[in-house]
Amino acid sequence: MRMRAISTVSGQSSLMDTEELRAYTNLGRNKAMELGDEIGARVKIGKRVLWDRVKIDKYLDSLSGEK
């Protein structure tokens, strides 16, 4: 049974799996996971590891100086 992630207002899921995180950040698996852990975006549900898109967006916005 596949779990559905919570949706945001824009219709995008607020949680993504590791493959989606890799594509979203354009990083390799290890660096993407390292980044996600560093900024506190890891969400563990049972054995499954998902990543919080909102926290990742906020971090990336802070790098570019946007609010």
PDB file of N, CA and C in Angstrom:
ATOM      1  N   MET A   1       0.850  -1.182   0.000  1.00  0.00           N
ATOM      2  CA  MET A   1       0.000   0.000   0.000  1.00  0.00           C
ATOM      3  C   MET A   1       0.891   1.239   0.000  1.00  0.00           C
ATOM      4  N   ARG A   2       0.676   2.098  -0.959  1.00  0.00           N
ATOM      5  CA  ARG A   2       1.483   3.313  -1.060  1.00  0.00           C
ATOM      6  C   ARG A   2       0.822   4.442  -0.279  1.00  0.00           C
ATOM      7  N   MET A   3       1.624   5.149   0.528  1.00  0.00           N
ATOM      8  CA  MET A   3       1.128   6.239   1.350  1.00  0.00           C
ATOM      9  C   MET A   3       1.077   7.527   0.533  1.00  0.00           C
ATOM     10  N   ARG A   4       0.020   8.280   0.669  1.00  0.00           N
ATOM     11  CA  ARG A   4      -0.064   9.570   0.002  1.00  0.00           C
ATOM     12  C   ARG A   4       0.473  10.650   0.917  1.00  0.00           C
ATOM     13  N   ALA A   5       1.221  11.561   0.331  1.00  0.00           N
ATOM     14  CA  ALA A   5       1.769  12.672   1.106  1.00  0.00           C
ATOM     15  C   ALA A   5       0.722  13.764   1.246  1.00  0.00           C
ATOM     16  N   ILE A   6       0.902  14.607   2.226  1.00  0.00           N
ATOM     17  CA  ILE A   6       0.008  15.724   2.480  1.00  0.00           C
ATOM     18  C   ILE A   6       0.153  16.736   1.360  1.00  0.00           C
ATOM     19  N   SER A   7      -0.967  17.284   0.890  1.00  0.00           N
ATOM     20  CA  SER A   7      -0.910  18.266  -0.191  1.00  0.00           C
ATOM     21  C   SER A   7      -0.928  19.680   0.350  1.00  0.00           C
ATOM     22  N   THR A   8      -0.255  20.567  -0.363  1.00  0.00           N
ATOM     23  CA  THR A   8      -0.273  21.977  -0.017  1.00  0.00           C
ATOM     24  C   THR A   8      -1.353  22.665  -0.831  1.00  0.00           C
ATOM     25  N   VAL A   9      -1.520  23.943  -0.631  1.00  0.00           N
ATOM     26  CA  VAL A   9      -2.534  24.710  -1.344  1.00  0.00           C
ATOM     27  C   VAL A   9      -2.290  24.667  -2.852  1.00  0.00           C
ATOM     28  N   SER A  10      -1.035  24.684  -3.275  1.00  0.00           N
ATOM     29  CA  SER A  10      -0.701  24.693  -4.701  1.00  0.00           C
ATOM     30  C   SER A  10      -0.950  23.340  -5.356  1.00  0.00           C
ATOM     31  N   GLY A  11      -1.305  22.325  -4.586  1.00  0.00           N
ATOM     32  CA  GLY A  11      -1.550  21.011  -5.135  1.00  0.00           C
ATOM     33  C   GLY A  11      -0.320  20.118  -5.122  1.00  0.00           C
ATOM     34  N   GLN A  12       0.848  20.682  -4.827  1.00  0.00           N
ATOM     35  CA  GLN A  12       2.066  19.890  -4.719  1.00  0.00           C
ATOM     36  C   GLN A  12       2.101  19.232  -3.356  1.00  0.00           C
ATOM     37  N   SER A  13       2.711  18.070  -3.312  1.00  0.00           N
ATOM     38  CA  SER A  13       2.892  17.383  -2.047  1.00  0.00           C
ATOM     39  C   SER A  13       3.895  18.152  -1.197  1.00  0.00           C
ATOM     40  N   SER A  14       3.650  18.243   0.097  1.00  0.00           N
ATOM     41  CA  SER A  14       4.599  18.929   0.967  1.00  0.00           C
ATOM     42  C   SER A  14       5.721  17.995   1.406  1.00  0.00           C
ATOM     43  N   LEU A  15       5.587  16.702   1.107  1.00  0.00           N
ATOM     44  CA  LEU A  15       6.633  15.732   1.416  1.00  0.00           C
ATOM     45  C   LEU A  15       7.079  15.069   0.119  1.00  0.00           C
ATOM     46  N   MET A  16       8.375  14.778   0.037  1.00  0.00           N
ATOM     47  CA  MET A  16       8.890  14.095  -1.144  1.00  0.00           C
ATOM     48  C   MET A  16       9.818  12.972  -0.716  1.00  0.00           C
ATOM     49  N   ASP A  17       9.947  11.965  -1.560  1.00  0.00           N
ATOM     50  CA  ASP A  17      10.882  10.887  -1.247  1.00  0.00           C
ATOM     51  C   ASP A  17      12.292  11.298  -1.680  1.00  0.00           C
ATOM     52  N   THR A  18      13.245  10.429  -1.432  1.00  0.00           N
ATOM     53  CA  THR A  18      14.646  10.763  -1.682  1.00  0.00           C
ATOM     54  C   THR A  18      14.927  10.998  -3.161  1.00  0.00           C
ATOM     55  N   GLU A  19      14.298  10.224  -4.031  1.00  0.00           N
ATOM     56  CA  GLU A  19      14.500  10.421  -5.475  1.00  0.00           C
ATOM     57  C   GLU A  19      13.971  11.786  -5.915  1.00  0.00           C
ATOM     58  N   GLU A  20      12.827  12.193  -5.366  1.00  0.00           N
ATOM     59  CA  GLU A  20      12.283  13.516  -5.681  1.00  0.00           C
ATOM     60  C   GLU A  20      13.181  14.616  -5.127  1.00  0.00           C
ATOM     61  N   LEU A  21      13.737  14.388  -3.936  1.00  0.00           N
ATOM     62  CA  LEU A  21      14.670  15.352  -3.340  1.00  0.00           C
ATOM     63  C   LEU A  21      15.890  15.520  -4.231  1.00  0.00           C
ATOM     64  N   ARG A  22      16.416  14.418  -4.753  1.00  0.00           N
ATOM     65  CA  ARG A  22      17.574  14.476  -5.656  1.00  0.00           C
ATOM     66  C   ARG A  22      17.254  15.325  -6.883  1.00  0.00           C
ATOM     67  N   ALA A  23      16.108  15.083  -7.480  1.00  0.00           N
ATOM     68  CA  ALA A  23      15.721  15.829  -8.681  1.00  0.00           C
ATOM     69  C   ALA A  23      15.462  17.300  -8.348  1.00  0.00           C
ATOM     70  N   TYR A  24      14.840  17.549  -7.208  1.00  0.00           N
ATOM     71  CA  TYR A  24      14.472  18.906  -6.796  1.00  0.00           C
ATOM     72  C   TYR A  24      15.705  19.770  -6.525  1.00  0.00           C
ATOM     73  N   THR A  25      16.738  19.159  -5.925  1.00  0.00           N
ATOM     74  CA  THR A  25      17.946  19.910  -5.570  1.00  0.00           C
ATOM     75  C   THR A  25      19.054  19.774  -6.609  1.00  0.00           C
ATOM     76  N   ASN A  26      18.877  18.840  -7.541  1.00  0.00           N
ATOM     77  CA  ASN A  26      19.893  18.558  -8.561  1.00  0.00           C
ATOM     78  C   ASN A  26      21.211  18.111  -7.912  1.00  0.00           C
ATOM     79  N   LEU A  27      21.089  17.333  -6.842  1.00  0.00           N
ATOM     80  CA  LEU A  27      22.246  16.794  -6.131  1.00  0.00           C
ATOM     81  C   LEU A  27      22.214  15.272  -6.218  1.00  0.00           C
ATOM     82  N   GLY A  28      23.333  14.647  -5.940  1.00  0.00           N
ATOM     83  CA  GLY A  28      23.375  13.195  -5.835  1.00  0.00           C
ATOM     84  C   GLY A  28      22.671  12.739  -4.573  1.00  0.00           C
ATOM     85  N   ARG A  29      22.478  11.437  -4.454  1.00  0.00           N
ATOM     86  CA  ARG A  29      21.733  10.880  -3.316  1.00  0.00           C
ATOM     87  C   ARG A  29      22.353  11.262  -1.969  1.00  0.00           C
ATOM     88  N   ASN A  30      23.654  11.044  -1.807  1.00  0.00           N
ATOM     89  CA  ASN A  30      24.283  11.312  -0.511  1.00  0.00           C
ATOM     90  C   ASN A  30      24.250  12.792  -0.147  1.00  0.00           C
ATOM     91  N   LYS A  31      24.568  13.671  -1.082  1.00  0.00           N
ATOM     92  CA  LYS A  31      24.573  15.114  -0.801  1.00  0.00           C
ATOM     93  C   LYS A  31      23.161  15.634  -0.549  1.00  0.00           C
ATOM     94  N   ALA A  32      22.189  15.122  -1.286  1.00  0.00           N
ATOM     95  CA  ALA A  32      20.800  15.543  -1.074  1.00  0.00           C
ATOM     96  C   ALA A  32      20.329  15.149   0.325  1.00  0.00           C
ATOM     97  N   MET A  33      20.640  13.929   0.736  1.00  0.00           N
ATOM     98  CA  MET A  33      20.245  13.464   2.064  1.00  0.00           C
ATOM     99  C   MET A  33      21.001  14.230   3.154  1.00  0.00           C
ATOM    100  N   GLU A  34      22.259  14.513   2.914  1.00  0.00           N
ATOM    101  CA  GLU A  34      23.065  15.288   3.855  1.00  0.00           C
ATOM    102  C   GLU A  34      22.460  16.686   4.043  1.00  0.00           C
ATOM    103  N   LEU A  35      22.087  17.315   2.938  1.00  0.00           N
ATOM    104  CA  LEU A  35      21.454  18.634   2.994  1.00  0.00           C
ATOM    105  C   LEU A  35      20.138  18.567   3.767  1.00  0.00           C
ATOM    106  N   GLY A  36      19.302  17.595   3.434  1.00  0.00           N
ATOM    107  CA  GLY A  36      18.014  17.447   4.111  1.00  0.00           C
ATOM    108  C   GLY A  36      18.162  17.248   5.607  1.00  0.00           C
ATOM    109  N   ASP A  37      19.136  16.436   6.001  1.00  0.00           N
ATOM    110  CA  ASP A  37      19.393  16.205   7.427  1.00  0.00           C
ATOM    111  C   ASP A  37      19.896  17.480   8.099  1.00  0.00           C
ATOM    112  N   GLU A  38      20.802  18.171   7.422  1.00  0.00           N
ATOM    113  CA  GLU A  38      21.403  19.391   7.971  1.00  0.00           C
ATOM    114  C   GLU A  38      20.365  20.469   8.268  1.00  0.00           C
ATOM    115  N   ILE A  39      19.358  20.589   7.421  1.00  0.00           N
ATOM    116  CA  ILE A  39      18.357  21.648   7.612  1.00  0.00           C
ATOM    117  C   ILE A  39      17.115  21.163   8.353  1.00  0.00           C
ATOM    118  N   GLY A  40      17.125  19.907   8.789  1.00  0.00           N
ATOM    119  CA  GLY A  40      16.010  19.382   9.583  1.00  0.00           C
ATOM    120  C   GLY A  40      14.772  19.070   8.783  1.00  0.00           C
ATOM    121  N   ALA A  41      14.942  18.658   7.533  1.00  0.00           N
ATOM    122  CA  ALA A  41      13.792  18.397   6.668  1.00  0.00           C
ATOM    123  C   ALA A  41      13.389  16.924   6.647  1.00  0.00           C
ATOM    124  N   ARG A  42      14.110  16.066   7.355  1.00  0.00           N
ATOM    125  CA  ARG A  42      13.802  14.628   7.343  1.00  0.00           C
ATOM    126  C   ARG A  42      12.540  14.357   8.156  1.00  0.00           C
ATOM    127  N   VAL A  43      11.640  13.581   7.557  1.00  0.00           N
ATOM    128  CA  VAL A  43      10.420  13.124   8.227  1.00  0.00           C
ATOM    129  C   VAL A  43      10.410  11.612   8.086  1.00  0.00           C
ATOM    130  N   LYS A  44      10.472  10.907   9.207  1.00  0.00           N
ATOM    131  CA  LYS A  44      10.505   9.447   9.160  1.00  0.00           C
ATOM    132  C   LYS A  44       9.157   8.910   9.615  1.00  0.00           C
ATOM    133  N   ILE A  45       8.555   8.115   8.749  1.00  0.00           N
ATOM    134  CA  ILE A  45       7.271   7.481   9.053  1.00  0.00           C
ATOM    135  C   ILE A  45       7.492   5.982   8.918  1.00  0.00           C
ATOM    136  N   GLY A  46       7.570   5.314  10.040  1.00  0.00           N
ATOM    137  CA  GLY A  46       7.924   3.901  10.022  1.00  0.00           C
ATOM    138  C   GLY A  46       9.343   3.764   9.502  1.00  0.00           C
ATOM    139  N   LYS A  47       9.530   2.942   8.467  1.00  0.00           N
ATOM    140  CA  LYS A  47      10.838   2.778   7.852  1.00  0.00           C
ATOM    141  C   LYS A  47      11.063   3.762   6.716  1.00  0.00           C
ATOM    142  N   ARG A  48      10.015   4.442   6.325  1.00  0.00           N
ATOM    143  CA  ARG A  48      10.083   5.336   5.168  1.00  0.00           C
ATOM    144  C   ARG A  48      10.644   6.702   5.557  1.00  0.00           C
ATOM    145  N   VAL A  49      11.541   7.230   4.741  1.00  0.00           N
ATOM    146  CA  VAL A  49      12.106   8.555   4.961  1.00  0.00           C
ATOM    147  C   VAL A  49      11.582   9.480   3.876  1.00  0.00           C
ATOM    148  N   LEU A  50      10.958  10.577   4.296  1.00  0.00           N
ATOM    149  CA  LEU A  50      10.452  11.598   3.380  1.00  0.00           C
ATOM    150  C   LEU A  50      11.104  12.919   3.748  1.00  0.00           C
ATOM    151  N   TRP A  51      10.982  13.899   2.871  1.00  0.00           N
ATOM    152  CA  TRP A  51      11.640  15.188   3.060  1.00  0.00           C
ATOM    153  C   TRP A  51      10.604  16.307   2.941  1.00  0.00           C
ATOM    154  N   ASP A  52      10.657  17.254   3.859  1.00  0.00           N
ATOM    155  CA  ASP A  52       9.709  18.366   3.932  1.00  0.00           C
ATOM    156  C   ASP A  52      10.087  19.446   2.915  1.00  0.00           C
ATOM    157  N   ARG A  53       9.267  19.577   1.876  1.00  0.00           N
ATOM    158  CA  ARG A  53       9.521  20.530   0.791  1.00  0.00           C
ATOM    159  C   ARG A  53       9.512  21.976   1.292  1.00  0.00           C
ATOM    160  N   VAL A  54       8.668  22.292   2.260  1.00  0.00           N
ATOM    161  CA  VAL A  54       8.571  23.663   2.783  1.00  0.00           C
ATOM    162  C   VAL A  54       9.890  24.073   3.444  1.00  0.00           C
ATOM    163  N   LYS A  55      10.460  23.188   4.263  1.00  0.00           N
ATOM    164  CA  LYS A  55      11.743  23.498   4.911  1.00  0.00           C
ATOM    165  C   LYS A  55      12.856  23.639   3.880  1.00  0.00           C
ATOM    166  N   ILE A  56      12.832  22.791   2.871  1.00  0.00           N
ATOM    167  CA  ILE A  56      13.845  22.870   1.819  1.00  0.00           C
ATOM    168  C   ILE A  56      13.703  24.182   1.054  1.00  0.00           C
ATOM    169  N   ASP A  57      12.479  24.564   0.719  1.00  0.00           N
ATOM    170  CA  ASP A  57      12.241  25.834   0.015  1.00  0.00           C
ATOM    171  C   ASP A  57      12.715  27.023   0.844  1.00  0.00           C
ATOM    172  N   LYS A  58      12.410  27.015   2.135  1.00  0.00           N
ATOM    173  CA  LYS A  58      12.833  28.118   3.006  1.00  0.00           C
ATOM    174  C   LYS A  58      14.352  28.222   3.049  1.00  0.00           C
ATOM    175  N   TYR A  59      15.020  27.083   3.139  1.00  0.00           N
ATOM    176  CA  TYR A  59      16.481  27.081   3.168  1.00  0.00           C
ATOM    177  C   TYR A  59      17.045  27.617   1.854  1.00  0.00           C
ATOM    178  N   LEU A  60      16.534  27.144   0.739  1.00  0.00           N
ATOM    179  CA  LEU A  60      17.029  27.596  -0.559  1.00  0.00           C
ATOM    180  C   LEU A  60      16.737  29.078  -0.777  1.00  0.00           C
ATOM    181  N   ASP A  61      15.582  29.536  -0.315  1.00  0.00           N
ATOM    182  CA  ASP A  61      15.255  30.968  -0.405  1.00  0.00           C
ATOM    183  C   ASP A  61      16.233  31.791   0.427  1.00  0.00           C
ATOM    184  N   SER A  62      16.629  31.270   1.589  1.00  0.00           N
ATOM    185  CA  SER A  62      17.557  32.016   2.441  1.00  0.00           C
ATOM    186  C   SER A  62      18.940  32.141   1.776  1.00  0.00           C
ATOM    187  N   LEU A  63      19.296  31.159   0.969  1.00  0.00           N
ATOM    188  CA  LEU A  63      20.573  31.225   0.258  1.00  0.00           C
ATOM    189  C   LEU A  63      20.565  32.311  -0.815  1.00  0.00           C
ATOM    190  N   SER A  64      19.389  32.506  -1.430  1.00  0.00           N
ATOM    191  CA  SER A  64      19.293  33.480  -2.508  1.00  0.00           C
ATOM    192  C   SER A  64      18.869  34.855  -2.005  1.00  0.00           C
ATOM    193  N   GLY A  65      18.577  34.978  -0.701  1.00  0.00           N
ATOM    194  CA  GLY A  65      18.193  36.261  -0.124  1.00  0.00           C
ATOM    195  C   GLY A  65      16.729  36.587  -0.292  1.00  0.00           C
ATOM    196  N   GLU A  66      15.904  35.641  -0.792  1.00  0.00           N
ATOM    197  CA  GLU A  66      14.478  35.888  -0.934  1.00  0.00           C
ATOM    198  C   GLU A  66      13.765  35.575   0.372  1.00  0.00           C
ATOM    199  N   LYS A  67      12.552  36.098   0.514  1.00  0.00           N
ATOM    200  CA  LYS A  67      11.762  35.847   1.728  1.00  0.00           C
ATOM    201  C   LYS A  67      10.787  34.743   1.530  1.00  0.00           C
TER     202      LYS A  67
END
